[in-house]
Amino acid sequence: MQKDKLGKQLKRYLVSCKGEAAVAYQLGFLPEKEFLILHNLRLRNSLHHFQMDCLLLNTYFFLIVEVKNIAGTLHFD
């Protein structure tokens, strides 16, 4: 039973890593002179931590990228 639980957790972790790697690959095509990309950024205030999969910095904007690798069809209402 514990083995099944660990197997499911490992599978979710590996799927998550695959999704983040796919996004990192696509972001790699952005011009290096115009964008700074910070991966797996973890910030802390006095009490809590805040983690971002990716922070994309440009002179005009900052973009937080949170990756979810979900199979199937998503419907937004």
C-alpha atoms as a PDB file:
ATOM      1  CA  MET A   1       0.000   0.000   0.000  1.00  0.00           C
ATOM      2  CA  GLN A   2       2.774   2.459   0.913  1.00  0.00           C
ATOM      3  CA  LYS A   3       4.616   1.404  -2.245  1.00  0.00           C
ATOM      4  CA  ASP A   4       1.589   2.343  -4.383  1.00  0.00           C
ATOM      5  CA  LYS A   5       1.330   5.734  -2.679  1.00  0.00           C
ATOM      6  CA  LEU A   6       5.024   6.464  -3.257  1.00  0.00           C
ATOM      7  CA  GLY A   7       4.713   5.297  -6.863  1.00  0.00           C
ATOM      8  CA  LYS A   8       1.867   7.759  -7.490  1.00  0.00           C
ATOM      9  CA  GLN A   9       3.808  10.607  -5.876  1.00  0.00           C
ATOM     10  CA  LEU A  10       6.862   9.811  -7.993  1.00  0.00           C
ATOM     11  CA  LYS A  11       4.751   9.722 -11.154  1.00  0.00           C
ATOM     12  CA  ARG A  12       3.244  13.156 -10.373  1.00  0.00           C
ATOM     13  CA  TYR A  13       6.709  14.551  -9.651  1.00  0.00           C
ATOM     14  CA  LEU A  14       8.135  13.247 -12.938  1.00  0.00           C
ATOM     15  CA  VAL A  15       5.173  14.594 -14.934  1.00  0.00           C
ATOM     16  CA  SER A  16       5.654  17.966 -13.256  1.00  0.00           C
ATOM     17  CA  CYS A  17       9.372  17.980 -14.122  1.00  0.00           C
ATOM     18  CA  LYS A  18       8.577  17.112 -17.723  1.00  0.00           C
ATOM     19  CA  GLY A  19       6.128  20.030 -17.970  1.00  0.00           C
ATOM     20  CA  GLU A  20       8.604  22.497 -16.491  1.00  0.00           C
ATOM     21  CA  ALA A  21      11.342  21.264 -18.846  1.00  0.00           C
ATOM     22  CA  ALA A  22       9.040  21.764 -21.850  1.00  0.00           C
ATOM     23  CA  VAL A  23       8.308  25.357 -20.812  1.00  0.00           C
ATOM     24  CA  ALA A  24      12.002  26.037 -20.108  1.00  0.00           C
ATOM     25  CA  TYR A  25      12.837  24.787 -23.607  1.00  0.00           C
ATOM     26  CA  GLN A  26      10.340  27.177 -25.208  1.00  0.00           C
ATOM     27  CA  LEU A  27      11.517  30.116 -23.092  1.00  0.00           C
ATOM     28  CA  GLY A  28      15.055  29.370 -24.242  1.00  0.00           C
ATOM     29  CA  PHE A  29      14.163  30.821 -27.647  1.00  0.00           C
ATOM     30  CA  LEU A  30      13.689  34.309 -26.166  1.00  0.00           C
ATOM     31  CA  PRO A  31      16.513  36.774 -26.887  1.00  0.00           C
ATOM     32  CA  GLU A  32      19.004  36.683 -23.991  1.00  0.00           C
ATOM     33  CA  LYS A  33      19.670  40.424 -24.288  1.00  0.00           C
ATOM     34  CA  GLU A  34      16.000  41.259 -23.688  1.00  0.00           C
ATOM     35  CA  PHE A  35      14.946  38.703 -21.052  1.00  0.00           C
ATOM     36  CA  LEU A  36      16.263  37.331 -17.807  1.00  0.00           C
ATOM     37  CA  ILE A  37      14.738  33.990 -16.833  1.00  0.00           C
ATOM     38  CA  LEU A  38      14.917  32.770 -13.238  1.00  0.00           C
ATOM     39  CA  HIS A  39      13.883  29.153 -12.668  1.00  0.00           C
ATOM     40  CA  ASN A  40      12.637  27.640  -9.389  1.00  0.00           C
ATOM     41  CA  LEU A  41      12.764  30.916  -7.524  1.00  0.00           C
ATOM     42  CA  ARG A  42      11.887  30.751  -3.820  1.00  0.00           C
ATOM     43  CA  LEU A  43      11.355  34.007  -1.944  1.00  0.00           C
ATOM     44  CA  ARG A  44      10.814  34.441   1.766  1.00  0.00           C
ATOM     45  CA  ASN A  45       9.189  37.109   3.847  1.00  0.00           C
ATOM     46  CA  SER A  46       9.339  37.080   7.642  1.00  0.00           C
ATOM     47  CA  LEU A  47       6.940  34.121   7.997  1.00  0.00           C
ATOM     48  CA  HIS A  48       6.332  32.331   4.705  1.00  0.00           C
ATOM     49  CA  HIS A  49       7.951  31.205   1.489  1.00  0.00           C
ATOM     50  CA  PHE A  50       6.665  31.840  -2.014  1.00  0.00           C
ATOM     51  CA  GLN A  51       7.886  29.640  -4.847  1.00  0.00           C
ATOM     52  CA  MET A  52       7.663  30.327  -8.578  1.00  0.00           C
ATOM     53  CA  ASP A  53       8.412  27.822 -11.303  1.00  0.00           C
ATOM     54  CA  CYS A  54       9.784  30.616 -13.465  1.00  0.00           C
ATOM     55  CA  LEU A  55      10.099  34.393 -13.322  1.00  0.00           C
ATOM     56  CA  LEU A  56      10.521  36.116 -16.667  1.00  0.00           C
ATOM     57  CA  LEU A  57      12.028  39.620 -16.406  1.00  0.00           C
ATOM     58  CA  ASN A  58      12.044  42.289 -19.081  1.00  0.00           C
ATOM     59  CA  THR A  59      12.479  46.070 -18.965  1.00  0.00           C
ATOM     60  CA  TYR A  60       8.712  46.397 -19.547  1.00  0.00           C
ATOM     61  CA  PHE A  61       7.241  43.646 -17.362  1.00  0.00           C
ATOM     62  CA  PHE A  62       7.778  40.789 -14.913  1.00  0.00           C
ATOM     63  CA  LEU A  63       5.887  37.566 -15.632  1.00  0.00           C
ATOM     64  CA  ILE A  64       5.402  34.759 -13.115  1.00  0.00           C
ATOM     65  CA  VAL A  65       5.086  31.424 -14.909  1.00  0.00           C
ATOM     66  CA  GLU A  66       3.490  28.591 -12.939  1.00  0.00           C
ATOM     67  CA  VAL A  67       3.530  25.315 -14.858  1.00  0.00           C
ATOM     68  CA  LYS A  68       0.826  22.657 -14.584  1.00  0.00           C
ATOM     69  CA  ASN A  69       1.210  19.588 -16.768  1.00  0.00           C
ATOM     70  CA  ILE A  70      -2.346  18.236 -16.937  1.00  0.00           C
ATOM     71  CA  ALA A  71      -3.524  15.504 -19.283  1.00  0.00           C
ATOM     72  CA  GLY A  72      -6.930  15.654 -20.911  1.00  0.00           C
ATOM     73  CA  THR A  73      -9.211  18.534 -21.844  1.00  0.00           C
ATOM     74  CA  LEU A  74      -9.608  21.638 -19.724  1.00  0.00           C
ATOM     75  CA  HIS A  75     -12.808  23.696 -19.905  1.00  0.00           C
ATOM     76  CA  PHE A  76     -12.843  27.275 -18.670  1.00  0.00           C
ATOM     77  CA  ASP A  77     -16.216  28.790 -17.918  1.00  0.00           C
END
